[in-house]
């Protein structure tokens, strides 16, 4: 094997690696966006239907699907322009090496403890609140338009931010790692038809940011004092403090730790059989 052939092989490997890397980040961001996930499933269904119609010789269905595939991409770009733009923005904001700071066990416990303490006070006092925890997808776009704080996380500070008549009371707080980055952040509201129509602006904003990113949104209702959590495009309404604590511990756990703990649980289960 000559030096030139080795160089060509390396170039091909690099070329293929870049293509797979691009597909990886596109699919990762589609997964974090509920609307684009449904769109991706719809496109896959049409392609499968086209293959089946060609295989069975269904000429009429095949002709209709051919027109759909011909003009469909243009229609999708027009109809889903906001979602496509959001994915491209997320690709630019995503941390290539994952979360900007991987919390230790003690830091995660402190984070969860302070948030739960604050939410306990807020729910008892019927003070509305929206707390968003950043994960892999950066929230820099929302941080730029909010009031910067960059302070250590504490329940007292969260309670003070959401205290009635505070100028930052109506916005949301963004937490990066174990620090409060900003307050007064404004998030996109969800248009999910399945969402309860009685949900207020805070709940729809919490669901909206959870649909577009992988963030965890915590909401305290000003009217009822009930606590809700939005994560992975779903809103879990009227949760207890223990439910919220367990969800935070589970969602904030690094992926490798989750896999290790699952493996450990399986080994223990096998030993006890």
Protein backbone atom coordinates (compact mmCIF):
# COMPACT_ATOMS: atom_id res chain seq x y z
CA UNK A 1 0.00 0.00 0.00
CA UNK A 2 1.46 3.32 -1.10
CA UNK A 3 1.50 6.56 0.86
CA UNK A 4 -0.95 8.09 -1.60
CA UNK A 5 -3.47 5.28 -1.14
CA UNK A 6 -3.22 5.62 2.65
CA UNK A 7 -3.82 9.36 2.35
CA UNK A 8 -6.91 8.75 0.16
CA UNK A 9 -8.24 6.23 2.68
CA UNK A 10 -7.81 8.72 5.55
CA UNK A 11 -9.62 11.40 3.53
CA UNK A 12 -12.55 9.05 2.90
CA UNK A 13 -12.77 8.15 6.59
CA UNK A 14 -12.76 11.85 7.55
CA UNK A 15 -15.37 12.60 4.88
CA UNK A 16 -17.70 9.83 6.10
CA UNK A 17 -17.14 10.83 9.74
CA UNK A 18 -18.20 14.41 9.03
CA UNK A 19 -21.37 13.22 7.27
CA UNK A 20 -22.30 10.97 10.20
CA UNK A 21 -21.52 13.80 12.65
CA UNK A 22 -23.89 16.13 10.80
CA UNK A 23 -26.64 13.49 10.76
CA UNK A 24 -26.06 12.82 14.47
CA UNK A 25 -26.56 16.47 15.50
CA UNK A 26 -29.58 16.89 13.19
CA UNK A 27 -31.30 13.78 14.57
CA UNK A 28 -30.37 14.75 18.13
CA UNK A 29 -32.02 18.15 17.76
CA UNK A 30 -35.04 16.66 16.00
CA UNK A 31 -35.47 14.32 18.95
CA UNK A 32 -35.53 17.31 21.33
CA UNK A 33 -38.24 19.02 19.26
CA UNK A 34 -41.65 17.37 19.50
CA UNK A 35 -43.07 19.03 16.36
CA UNK A 36 -40.14 18.02 14.17
CA UNK A 37 -40.25 14.50 15.58
CA UNK A 38 -43.85 14.17 14.38
CA UNK A 39 -42.84 15.68 11.02
CA UNK A 40 -39.98 13.17 10.67
CA UNK A 41 -42.38 10.29 11.43
CA UNK A 42 -44.84 11.61 8.84
CA UNK A 43 -42.16 11.78 6.13
CA UNK A 44 -40.96 8.27 6.99
CA UNK A 45 -44.56 6.99 6.76
CA UNK A 46 -45.04 8.55 3.28
CA UNK A 47 -41.77 7.00 2.03
CA UNK A 48 -42.71 3.56 3.34
CA UNK A 49 -46.18 3.87 1.78
CA UNK A 50 -44.59 4.79 -1.56
CA UNK A 51 -42.34 1.71 -1.48
CA UNK A 52 -45.29 -0.54 -0.59
CA UNK A 53 -47.46 0.95 -3.38
CA UNK A 54 -44.66 0.38 -5.93
CA UNK A 55 -44.18 -3.18 -4.71
CA UNK A 56 -47.92 -3.99 -4.92
CA UNK A 57 -48.36 -2.13 -8.21
CA UNK A 58 -50.89 0.40 -6.87
CA UNK A 59 -50.57 2.90 -9.73
CA UNK A 60 -53.09 5.50 -8.53
CA UNK A 61 -51.71 5.63 -4.98
CA UNK A 62 -48.17 5.64 -6.35
CA UNK A 63 -48.93 8.57 -8.66
CA UNK A 64 -50.44 10.62 -5.82
CA UNK A 65 -47.49 9.87 -3.57
CA UNK A 66 -45.10 10.81 -6.36
CA UNK A 67 -46.67 14.29 -6.48
CA UNK A 68 -46.49 14.48 -2.69
CA UNK A 69 -42.79 13.64 -2.75
CA UNK A 70 -42.20 16.09 -5.60
CA UNK A 71 -43.85 19.13 -4.02
CA UNK A 72 -43.84 18.01 -0.38
CA UNK A 73 -40.36 19.36 0.54
CA UNK A 74 -41.30 22.87 -0.64
CA UNK A 75 -44.58 22.74 1.30
CA UNK A 76 -42.82 21.48 4.44
CA UNK A 77 -40.24 24.27 4.28
CA UNK A 78 -43.03 26.87 4.07
CA UNK A 79 -45.30 25.33 6.73
CA UNK A 80 -42.58 24.33 9.20
CA UNK A 81 -40.25 27.29 8.63
CA UNK A 82 -40.23 28.33 12.35
CA UNK A 83 -39.38 24.79 13.52
CA UNK A 84 -36.63 24.36 10.91
CA UNK A 85 -35.16 27.72 11.89
CA UNK A 86 -35.21 26.68 15.57
CA UNK A 87 -33.33 23.46 14.79
CA UNK A 88 -30.65 25.37 12.87
CA UNK A 89 -30.36 27.83 15.77
CA UNK A 90 -30.06 24.95 18.24
CA UNK A 91 -27.29 23.39 16.14
CA UNK A 92 -25.38 26.62 16.55
CA UNK A 93 -26.10 26.85 20.27
CA UNK A 94 -25.54 23.20 21.21
CA UNK A 95 -22.44 22.39 23.25
CA UNK A 96 -20.49 19.95 21.10
CA UNK A 97 -19.02 18.25 24.13
CA UNK A 98 -22.29 18.12 26.05
CA UNK A 99 -23.34 20.07 29.12
CA UNK A 100 -21.12 23.05 29.94
CA UNK A 101 -20.62 21.66 33.45
CA UNK A 102 -21.17 18.12 34.69
CA UNK A 103 -22.30 18.37 38.29
CA UNK A 104 -20.87 16.14 40.97
CA UNK A 105 -23.19 14.11 43.20
CA UNK A 106 -22.90 16.69 46.01
CA UNK A 107 -23.60 19.57 43.59
CA UNK A 108 -26.66 17.81 42.20
CA UNK A 109 -27.98 17.13 45.69
CA UNK A 110 -27.43 20.77 46.66
CA UNK A 111 -29.13 21.95 43.47
CA UNK A 112 -32.18 19.75 44.03
CA UNK A 113 -32.36 20.66 47.74
CA UNK A 114 -32.32 24.42 47.12
CA UNK A 115 -34.91 24.21 44.32
CA UNK A 116 -37.24 22.03 46.39
CA UNK A 117 -36.91 24.38 49.39
CA UNK A 118 -37.78 27.36 47.20
CA UNK A 119 -40.72 25.62 45.54
CA UNK A 120 -42.10 24.53 48.91
CA UNK A 121 -42.14 28.17 50.06
CA UNK A 122 -43.56 29.42 46.74
CA UNK A 123 -46.41 26.91 46.65
CA UNK A 124 -47.41 27.59 50.26
CA UNK A 125 -47.36 31.34 49.62
CA UNK A 126 -49.20 30.98 46.26
CA UNK A 127 -46.40 32.78 44.42
CA UNK A 128 -46.12 31.99 40.70
CA UNK A 129 -42.72 30.87 39.42
CA UNK A 130 -41.02 29.44 36.34
CA UNK A 131 -37.58 27.83 36.74
CA UNK A 132 -35.76 26.37 33.73
CA UNK A 133 -32.69 24.14 34.02
CA UNK A 134 -30.41 24.07 30.99
CA UNK A 135 -28.98 20.74 29.88
CA UNK A 136 -27.24 19.84 26.59
CA UNK A 137 -29.04 22.35 24.36
CA UNK A 138 -27.87 25.89 25.12
CA UNK A 139 -30.40 28.54 26.16
CA UNK A 140 -28.04 31.40 25.30
CA UNK A 141 -30.61 32.97 22.97
CA UNK A 142 -33.04 33.44 25.88
CA UNK A 143 -30.32 34.44 28.33
CA UNK A 144 -29.21 37.30 26.08
CA UNK A 145 -32.64 38.96 26.31
CA UNK A 146 -33.04 38.46 30.09
CA UNK A 147 -31.61 40.18 33.15
CA UNK A 148 -28.19 38.68 33.92
CA UNK A 149 -27.54 37.56 37.50
CA UNK A 150 -24.73 34.95 37.53
CA UNK A 151 -25.18 34.08 41.19
CA UNK A 152 -24.81 30.92 43.26
CA UNK A 153 -28.06 29.02 43.50
CA UNK A 154 -29.96 29.39 46.77
CA UNK A 155 -33.59 29.02 47.79
CA UNK A 156 -33.55 32.52 49.33
CA UNK A 157 -32.51 34.08 46.02
CA UNK A 158 -35.18 32.18 44.08
CA UNK A 159 -37.83 33.27 46.59
CA UNK A 160 -36.68 36.89 46.32
CA UNK A 161 -36.75 36.85 42.50
CA UNK A 162 -40.34 35.61 42.34
CA UNK A 163 -41.61 37.74 45.24
CA UNK A 164 -44.70 39.73 44.14
CA UNK A 165 -44.05 43.25 42.77
CA UNK A 166 -40.48 42.28 41.94
CA UNK A 167 -39.77 43.50 38.35
CA UNK A 168 -38.46 40.01 37.48
CA UNK A 169 -41.44 38.18 38.97
CA UNK A 170 -43.26 37.54 35.67
CA UNK A 171 -40.32 36.10 33.74
CA UNK A 172 -38.50 32.81 34.10
CA UNK A 173 -35.22 31.95 35.81
CA UNK A 174 -32.56 30.01 33.90
CA UNK A 175 -30.12 27.81 35.82
CA UNK A 176 -26.88 26.67 34.21
CA UNK A 177 -25.06 24.02 36.20
CA UNK A 178 -25.48 25.08 39.83
CA UNK A 179 -25.73 28.84 39.19
CA UNK A 180 -28.61 31.17 38.44
CA UNK A 181 -27.65 32.78 35.14
CA UNK A 182 -30.56 35.15 34.57
CA UNK A 183 -34.11 36.11 35.51
CA UNK A 184 -37.00 37.64 33.61
CA UNK A 185 -36.46 35.30 30.66
CA UNK A 186 -39.25 35.00 28.09
CA UNK A 187 -39.90 31.62 26.45
CA UNK A 188 -42.04 30.54 23.47
CA UNK A 189 -45.49 29.31 24.47
CA UNK A 190 -46.66 25.89 23.37
CA UNK A 191 -49.40 25.48 20.77
CA UNK A 192 -49.89 21.82 21.61
CA UNK A 193 -53.55 21.00 20.97
CA UNK A 194 -53.43 18.25 23.61
CA UNK A 195 -52.45 20.71 26.36
CA UNK A 196 -55.18 21.65 28.80
CA UNK A 197 -56.86 24.86 27.61
CA UNK A 198 -57.03 26.06 31.22
CA UNK A 199 -53.25 26.19 31.47
CA UNK A 200 -51.84 29.67 32.03
CA UNK A 201 -49.00 31.47 30.29
CA UNK A 202 -46.33 30.07 32.66
CA UNK A 203 -47.36 26.48 32.03
CA UNK A 204 -47.49 26.99 28.25
CA UNK A 205 -44.08 28.69 28.32
CA UNK A 206 -42.66 25.81 30.37
CA UNK A 207 -44.07 23.28 27.88
CA UNK A 208 -42.91 25.39 24.93
CA UNK A 209 -39.25 25.46 25.97
CA UNK A 210 -39.42 21.73 26.86
CA UNK A 211 -40.70 21.01 23.34
CA UNK A 212 -37.96 22.99 21.61
CA UNK A 213 -35.01 21.99 23.85
CA UNK A 214 -34.04 19.32 26.38
CA UNK A 215 -34.40 21.75 29.30
CA UNK A 216 -36.32 20.92 32.49
CA UNK A 217 -39.04 23.45 33.36
CA UNK A 218 -40.53 23.78 36.84
CA UNK A 219 -43.73 25.75 37.38
CA UNK A 220 -45.57 26.93 40.49
CA UNK A 221 -49.14 28.04 39.87
CA UNK A 222 -50.00 31.45 41.29
CA UNK A 223 -53.68 30.56 41.57
CA UNK A 224 -53.54 27.07 43.06
CA UNK A 225 -49.97 26.67 44.34
CA UNK A 226 -49.68 23.41 42.42
CA UNK A 227 -46.32 22.32 41.04
CA UNK A 228 -45.78 21.06 37.50
CA UNK A 229 -42.75 19.85 35.55
CA UNK A 230 -42.26 20.01 31.78
CA UNK A 231 -39.60 17.74 30.29
CA UNK A 232 -39.08 16.06 26.90
CA UNK A 233 -42.14 17.77 25.43
CA UNK A 234 -44.53 16.60 28.18
CA UNK A 235 -46.13 18.48 31.06
CA UNK A 236 -46.61 16.63 34.35
CA UNK A 237 -49.25 18.57 36.28
CA UNK A 238 -49.95 18.81 40.02
CA UNK A 239 -46.96 16.89 41.38
CA UNK A 240 -45.90 16.47 44.99
CA UNK A 241 -42.54 17.75 46.20
CA UNK A 242 -41.29 14.16 46.43
CA UNK A 243 -42.30 13.55 42.81
CA UNK A 244 -40.44 16.68 41.69
CA UNK A 245 -37.38 15.71 43.74
CA UNK A 246 -37.22 12.23 42.19
CA UNK A 247 -37.72 13.59 38.66
CA UNK A 248 -34.91 16.12 39.11
CA UNK A 249 -32.53 13.52 40.52
CA UNK A 250 -33.29 11.16 37.63
CA UNK A 251 -33.14 13.77 34.84
CA UNK A 252 -29.98 15.50 36.12
CA UNK A 253 -28.06 12.25 36.49
CA UNK A 254 -25.30 11.94 33.85
CA UNK A 255 -26.09 9.36 31.18
CA UNK A 256 -23.09 7.18 32.02
CA UNK A 257 -24.18 7.10 35.67
CA UNK A 258 -27.70 6.08 34.62
CA UNK A 259 -26.37 3.23 32.49
CA UNK A 260 -24.08 2.09 35.31
CA UNK A 261 -26.89 2.14 37.87
CA UNK A 262 -29.23 0.24 35.54
CA UNK A 263 -26.54 -2.40 34.96
CA UNK A 264 -25.92 -2.62 38.70
CA UNK A 265 -29.66 -3.06 39.38
CA UNK A 266 -29.85 -5.84 36.77
CA UNK A 267 -26.89 -7.65 38.37
CA UNK A 268 -28.49 -7.41 41.81
CA UNK A 269 -31.77 -8.71 40.37
CA UNK A 270 -30.00 -11.68 38.74
CA UNK A 271 -28.21 -12.52 42.00
CA UNK A 272 -31.47 -12.51 43.95
CA UNK A 273 -33.29 -14.80 41.48
